[in-house]
Amino acid sequence: MKKRKLEKQLIEELEKLPIVSIVCNNIGISRQTFYRWKKFDTRLSKKINRAIEIGTLSICDLSESKRIELIKEKNFPAIKFWLNNRHREYMSSKMRDDKHVW
């Protein structure tokens, strides 16, 4: 019963912050336990992978919103980064060829 509760906490925490060592510390398990569970429990492994994906996307969204805040504050490095990575006219030709541009 306790393991199931920890597994649930693990998944919930990874969806918020996809950093294994921090999440393990927060819920009170070792990284070795985490990787053992992941290796031998395919059901849990799939849930872990999905939770990490959700957490990573969440952090990416947060990062993007912070970058936009910096752009609004006229932060030149943030503006340059955005244009170099999002605007076709400012990209290198290699990036234009390799990347879908909005």
N, C-alpha and C. Protein backbone atom coordinates (compact mmCIF):
# COMPACT_ATOMS: atom_id res chain seq x y z
N MET A 1 0.82 -1.20 0.00
CA MET A 1 0.00 0.00 0.00
C MET A 1 0.86 1.26 0.00
N LYS A 2 1.91 1.29 0.82
CA LYS A 2 2.75 2.46 0.89
C LYS A 2 3.44 2.72 -0.45
N LYS A 3 3.87 1.64 -1.13
CA LYS A 3 4.54 1.81 -2.42
C LYS A 3 3.59 2.47 -3.43
N ARG A 4 2.36 2.06 -3.47
CA ARG A 4 1.39 2.65 -4.40
C ARG A 4 1.20 4.14 -4.13
N LYS A 5 1.16 4.51 -2.85
CA LYS A 5 1.02 5.91 -2.48
C LYS A 5 2.25 6.70 -2.94
N LEU A 6 3.44 6.13 -2.74
CA LEU A 6 4.67 6.78 -3.19
C LEU A 6 4.72 6.89 -4.71
N GLU A 7 4.26 5.86 -5.40
CA GLU A 7 4.23 5.89 -6.86
C GLU A 7 3.33 7.03 -7.34
N LYS A 8 2.18 7.18 -6.70
CA LYS A 8 1.25 8.25 -7.07
C LYS A 8 1.89 9.61 -6.84
N GLN A 9 2.53 9.78 -5.69
CA GLN A 9 3.23 11.03 -5.39
C GLN A 9 4.33 11.28 -6.41
N LEU A 10 5.07 10.23 -6.74
CA LEU A 10 6.17 10.33 -7.70
C LEU A 10 5.66 10.88 -9.04
N ILE A 11 4.61 10.31 -9.55
CA ILE A 11 4.05 10.74 -10.83
C ILE A 11 3.57 12.19 -10.75
N GLU A 12 2.86 12.53 -9.68
CA GLU A 12 2.36 13.90 -9.52
C GLU A 12 3.50 14.90 -9.46
N GLU A 13 4.55 14.57 -8.73
CA GLU A 13 5.70 15.48 -8.60
C GLU A 13 6.47 15.61 -9.90
N LEU A 14 6.66 14.51 -10.62
CA LEU A 14 7.38 14.58 -11.90
C LEU A 14 6.63 15.41 -12.93
N GLU A 15 5.31 15.43 -12.84
CA GLU A 15 4.53 16.26 -13.76
C GLU A 15 4.74 17.74 -13.48
N LYS A 16 5.10 18.07 -12.25
CA LYS A 16 5.37 19.47 -11.87
C LYS A 16 6.83 19.85 -12.10
N LEU A 17 7.73 18.93 -11.76
CA LEU A 17 9.17 19.20 -11.85
C LEU A 17 9.87 17.92 -12.30
N PRO A 18 10.28 17.85 -13.55
CA PRO A 18 10.81 16.60 -14.10
C PRO A 18 12.30 16.37 -13.79
N ILE A 19 12.67 16.53 -12.54
CA ILE A 19 14.06 16.30 -12.13
C ILE A 19 14.05 15.18 -11.09
N VAL A 20 14.51 14.02 -11.50
CA VAL A 20 14.39 12.79 -10.71
C VAL A 20 14.99 12.95 -9.31
N SER A 21 16.20 13.46 -9.20
CA SER A 21 16.85 13.52 -7.88
C SER A 21 16.07 14.41 -6.91
N ILE A 22 15.54 15.53 -7.39
CA ILE A 22 14.77 16.42 -6.51
C ILE A 22 13.46 15.77 -6.10
N VAL A 23 12.77 15.17 -7.05
CA VAL A 23 11.49 14.52 -6.75
C VAL A 23 11.69 13.37 -5.77
N CYS A 24 12.72 12.56 -5.99
CA CYS A 24 12.98 11.45 -5.08
C CYS A 24 13.23 11.96 -3.67
N ASN A 25 14.03 13.00 -3.56
CA ASN A 25 14.30 13.59 -2.25
C ASN A 25 13.02 14.12 -1.61
N ASN A 26 12.18 14.77 -2.40
CA ASN A 26 10.93 15.34 -1.86
C ASN A 26 9.97 14.28 -1.34
N ILE A 27 9.92 13.12 -1.99
CA ILE A 27 8.96 12.11 -1.54
C ILE A 27 9.60 11.05 -0.63
N GLY A 28 10.92 11.13 -0.47
CA GLY A 28 11.58 10.26 0.50
C GLY A 28 12.00 8.90 -0.01
N ILE A 29 12.37 8.83 -1.29
CA ILE A 29 12.93 7.57 -1.81
C ILE A 29 14.30 7.87 -2.42
N SER A 30 15.13 6.85 -2.55
CA SER A 30 16.44 7.04 -3.16
C SER A 30 16.31 6.98 -4.68
N ARG A 31 17.30 7.53 -5.36
CA ARG A 31 17.33 7.42 -6.82
C ARG A 31 17.46 5.96 -7.23
N GLN A 32 18.19 5.17 -6.44
CA GLN A 32 18.34 3.75 -6.75
C GLN A 32 16.98 3.06 -6.74
N THR A 33 16.15 3.40 -5.74
CA THR A 33 14.80 2.83 -5.67
C THR A 33 14.00 3.25 -6.90
N PHE A 34 14.07 4.54 -7.24
CA PHE A 34 13.37 5.05 -8.42
C PHE A 34 13.74 4.23 -9.66
N TYR A 35 15.04 4.09 -9.91
CA TYR A 35 15.46 3.39 -11.13
C TYR A 35 15.16 1.89 -11.07
N ARG A 36 15.15 1.30 -9.89
CA ARG A 36 14.76 -0.11 -9.76
C ARG A 36 13.27 -0.26 -10.09
N TRP A 37 12.45 0.62 -9.52
CA TRP A 37 11.02 0.57 -9.84
C TRP A 37 10.80 0.74 -11.33
N LYS A 38 11.49 1.71 -11.91
CA LYS A 38 11.33 2.00 -13.34
C LYS A 38 11.75 0.81 -14.19
N LYS A 39 12.80 0.13 -13.80
CA LYS A 39 13.33 -0.99 -14.59
C LYS A 39 12.42 -2.21 -14.53
N PHE A 40 11.88 -2.49 -13.36
CA PHE A 40 11.14 -3.75 -13.19
C PHE A 40 9.63 -3.63 -13.25
N ASP A 41 9.10 -2.42 -13.37
CA ASP A 41 7.65 -2.24 -13.43
C ASP A 41 7.32 -1.45 -14.71
N THR A 42 6.97 -2.17 -15.77
CA THR A 42 6.74 -1.51 -17.06
C THR A 42 5.55 -0.56 -17.00
N ARG A 43 4.54 -0.90 -16.23
CA ARG A 43 3.37 -0.01 -16.08
C ARG A 43 3.82 1.32 -15.48
N LEU A 44 4.58 1.24 -14.40
CA LEU A 44 5.07 2.45 -13.74
C LEU A 44 6.05 3.20 -14.64
N SER A 45 6.89 2.47 -15.35
CA SER A 45 7.87 3.09 -16.24
C SER A 45 7.18 3.96 -17.29
N LYS A 46 6.09 3.47 -17.86
CA LYS A 46 5.34 4.25 -18.84
C LYS A 46 4.75 5.51 -18.21
N LYS A 47 4.23 5.37 -17.00
CA LYS A 47 3.68 6.53 -16.30
C LYS A 47 4.77 7.55 -15.98
N ILE A 48 5.93 7.07 -15.58
CA ILE A 48 7.06 7.95 -15.28
C ILE A 48 7.48 8.71 -16.55
N ASN A 49 7.63 8.00 -17.64
CA ASN A 49 8.04 8.65 -18.89
C ASN A 49 7.05 9.73 -19.31
N ARG A 50 5.77 9.43 -19.18
CA ARG A 50 4.73 10.41 -19.53
C ARG A 50 4.75 11.59 -18.57
N ALA A 51 4.94 11.33 -17.28
CA ALA A 51 4.98 12.41 -16.29
C ALA A 51 6.17 13.34 -16.55
N ILE A 52 7.31 12.77 -16.89
CA ILE A 52 8.50 13.58 -17.20
C ILE A 52 8.24 14.42 -18.45
N GLU A 53 7.58 13.84 -19.43
CA GLU A 53 7.24 14.59 -20.64
C GLU A 53 6.31 15.76 -20.32
N ILE A 54 5.29 15.51 -19.51
CA ILE A 54 4.36 16.57 -19.10
C ILE A 54 5.11 17.66 -18.33
N GLY A 55 5.94 17.25 -17.38
CA GLY A 55 6.70 18.21 -16.59
C GLY A 55 7.65 19.03 -17.44
N THR A 56 8.29 18.40 -18.39
CA THR A 56 9.22 19.11 -19.28
C THR A 56 8.48 20.15 -20.11
N LEU A 57 7.33 19.77 -20.65
CA LEU A 57 6.53 20.72 -21.43
C LEU A 57 6.07 21.89 -20.56
N SER A 58 5.74 21.60 -19.33
CA SER A 58 5.31 22.66 -18.41
C SER A 58 6.45 23.65 -18.14
N ILE A 59 7.64 23.14 -17.91
CA ILE A 59 8.80 24.00 -17.68
C ILE A 59 9.12 24.80 -18.95
N CYS A 60 8.99 24.18 -20.11
CA CYS A 60 9.21 24.90 -21.37
C CYS A 60 8.22 26.04 -21.53
N ASP A 61 6.97 25.80 -21.21
CA ASP A 61 5.95 26.86 -21.27
C ASP A 61 6.30 28.00 -20.32
N LEU A 62 6.71 27.64 -19.11
CA LEU A 62 7.10 28.65 -18.13
C LEU A 62 8.28 29.47 -18.64
N SER A 63 9.28 28.78 -19.18
CA SER A 63 10.47 29.47 -19.72
C SER A 63 10.10 30.41 -20.85
N GLU A 64 9.24 29.94 -21.72
CA GLU A 64 8.80 30.77 -22.85
C GLU A 64 8.08 32.02 -22.35
N SER A 65 7.24 31.86 -21.34
CA SER A 65 6.51 33.03 -20.83
C SER A 65 7.46 34.02 -20.17
N LYS A 66 8.50 33.53 -19.50
CA LYS A 66 9.49 34.42 -18.89
C LYS A 66 10.28 35.15 -19.97
N ARG A 67 10.59 34.46 -21.07
CA ARG A 67 11.30 35.11 -22.16
C ARG A 67 10.44 36.23 -22.75
N ILE A 68 9.16 35.98 -22.90
CA ILE A 68 8.27 37.00 -23.44
C ILE A 68 8.18 38.20 -22.49
N GLU A 69 8.18 37.93 -21.19
CA GLU A 69 8.22 39.04 -20.22
C GLU A 69 9.47 39.89 -20.43
N LEU A 70 10.61 39.23 -20.63
CA LEU A 70 11.85 39.97 -20.86
C LEU A 70 11.78 40.79 -22.15
N ILE A 71 11.18 40.24 -23.17
CA ILE A 71 11.02 40.97 -24.43
C ILE A 71 10.18 42.21 -24.19
N LYS A 72 9.11 42.08 -23.44
CA LYS A 72 8.25 43.23 -23.14
C LYS A 72 9.00 44.29 -22.34
N GLU A 73 10.00 43.87 -21.56
CA GLU A 73 10.82 44.80 -20.78
C GLU A 73 11.98 45.36 -21.61
N LYS A 74 11.98 45.08 -22.91
CA LYS A 74 12.99 45.57 -23.86
C LYS A 74 14.38 45.02 -23.56
N ASN A 75 14.45 43.78 -23.13
CA ASN A 75 15.72 43.11 -22.88
C ASN A 75 16.29 42.64 -24.21
N PHE A 76 17.37 43.31 -24.66
CA PHE A 76 17.90 43.04 -26.00
C PHE A 76 18.33 41.58 -26.20
N PRO A 77 19.07 40.93 -25.27
CA PRO A 77 19.42 39.53 -25.52
C PRO A 77 18.20 38.63 -25.71
N ALA A 78 17.13 38.89 -24.99
CA ALA A 78 15.91 38.09 -25.15
C ALA A 78 15.28 38.35 -26.51
N ILE A 79 15.27 39.61 -26.92
CA ILE A 79 14.73 39.96 -28.24
C ILE A 79 15.55 39.29 -29.33
N LYS A 80 16.86 39.38 -29.23
CA LYS A 80 17.74 38.79 -30.23
C LYS A 80 17.55 37.28 -30.29
N PHE A 81 17.50 36.64 -29.13
CA PHE A 81 17.30 35.19 -29.09
C PHE A 81 16.00 34.82 -29.80
N TRP A 82 14.92 35.52 -29.47
CA TRP A 82 13.62 35.23 -30.07
C TRP A 82 13.69 35.37 -31.59
N LEU A 83 14.21 36.47 -32.07
CA LEU A 83 14.27 36.69 -33.50
C LEU A 83 15.16 35.67 -34.20
N ASN A 84 16.31 35.38 -33.61
CA ASN A 84 17.24 34.41 -34.22
C ASN A 84 16.66 33.01 -34.29
N ASN A 85 15.73 32.70 -33.41
CA ASN A 85 15.17 31.36 -33.36
C ASN A 85 13.74 31.25 -33.88
N ARG A 86 13.08 32.39 -34.08
CA ARG A 86 11.67 32.34 -34.47
C ARG A 86 11.33 33.10 -35.74
N HIS A 87 12.21 33.96 -36.21
CA HIS A 87 11.89 34.80 -37.35
C HIS A 87 12.82 34.47 -38.52
N ARG A 88 12.23 34.08 -39.61
CA ARG A 88 12.99 33.61 -40.78
C ARG A 88 14.07 34.60 -41.22
N GLU A 89 13.80 35.87 -41.21
CA GLU A 89 14.77 36.86 -41.70
C GLU A 89 16.01 36.98 -40.82
N TYR A 90 15.91 36.59 -39.58
CA TYR A 90 17.03 36.74 -38.65
C TYR A 90 17.80 35.43 -38.44
N MET A 91 17.27 34.34 -38.94
CA MET A 91 17.90 33.03 -38.76
C MET A 91 19.06 32.83 -39.72
N SER A 92 19.98 31.98 -39.32
CA SER A 92 21.01 31.56 -40.26
C SER A 92 20.33 30.68 -41.30
N SER A 93 20.94 30.57 -42.47
CA SER A 93 20.32 29.76 -43.53
C SER A 93 20.19 28.30 -43.12
N LYS A 94 21.16 27.77 -42.36
CA LYS A 94 21.08 26.38 -41.89
C LYS A 94 19.86 26.19 -40.99
N MET A 95 19.63 27.13 -40.09
CA MET A 95 18.46 27.01 -39.20
C MET A 95 17.17 27.07 -40.00
N ARG A 96 17.12 27.95 -40.99
CA ARG A 96 15.90 28.05 -41.82
C ARG A 96 15.61 26.73 -42.50
N ASP A 97 16.67 26.06 -42.98
CA ASP A 97 16.49 24.80 -43.69
C ASP A 97 16.11 23.66 -42.75
N ASP A 98 16.62 23.70 -41.51
CA ASP A 98 16.40 22.60 -40.56
C ASP A 98 15.17 22.76 -39.70
N LYS A 99 14.55 23.91 -39.69
CA LYS A 99 13.55 24.21 -38.68
C LYS A 99 12.26 24.72 -39.30
N HIS A 100 11.17 24.30 -38.72
CA HIS A 100 9.88 24.86 -39.11
C HIS A 100 9.77 26.24 -38.47
N VAL A 101 9.44 27.23 -39.25
CA VAL A 101 9.33 28.60 -38.75
C VAL A 101 7.87 29.02 -38.81
N TRP A 102 7.42 29.61 -37.75
CA TRP A 102 6.01 30.04 -37.65
C TRP A 102 5.71 31.13 -38.62
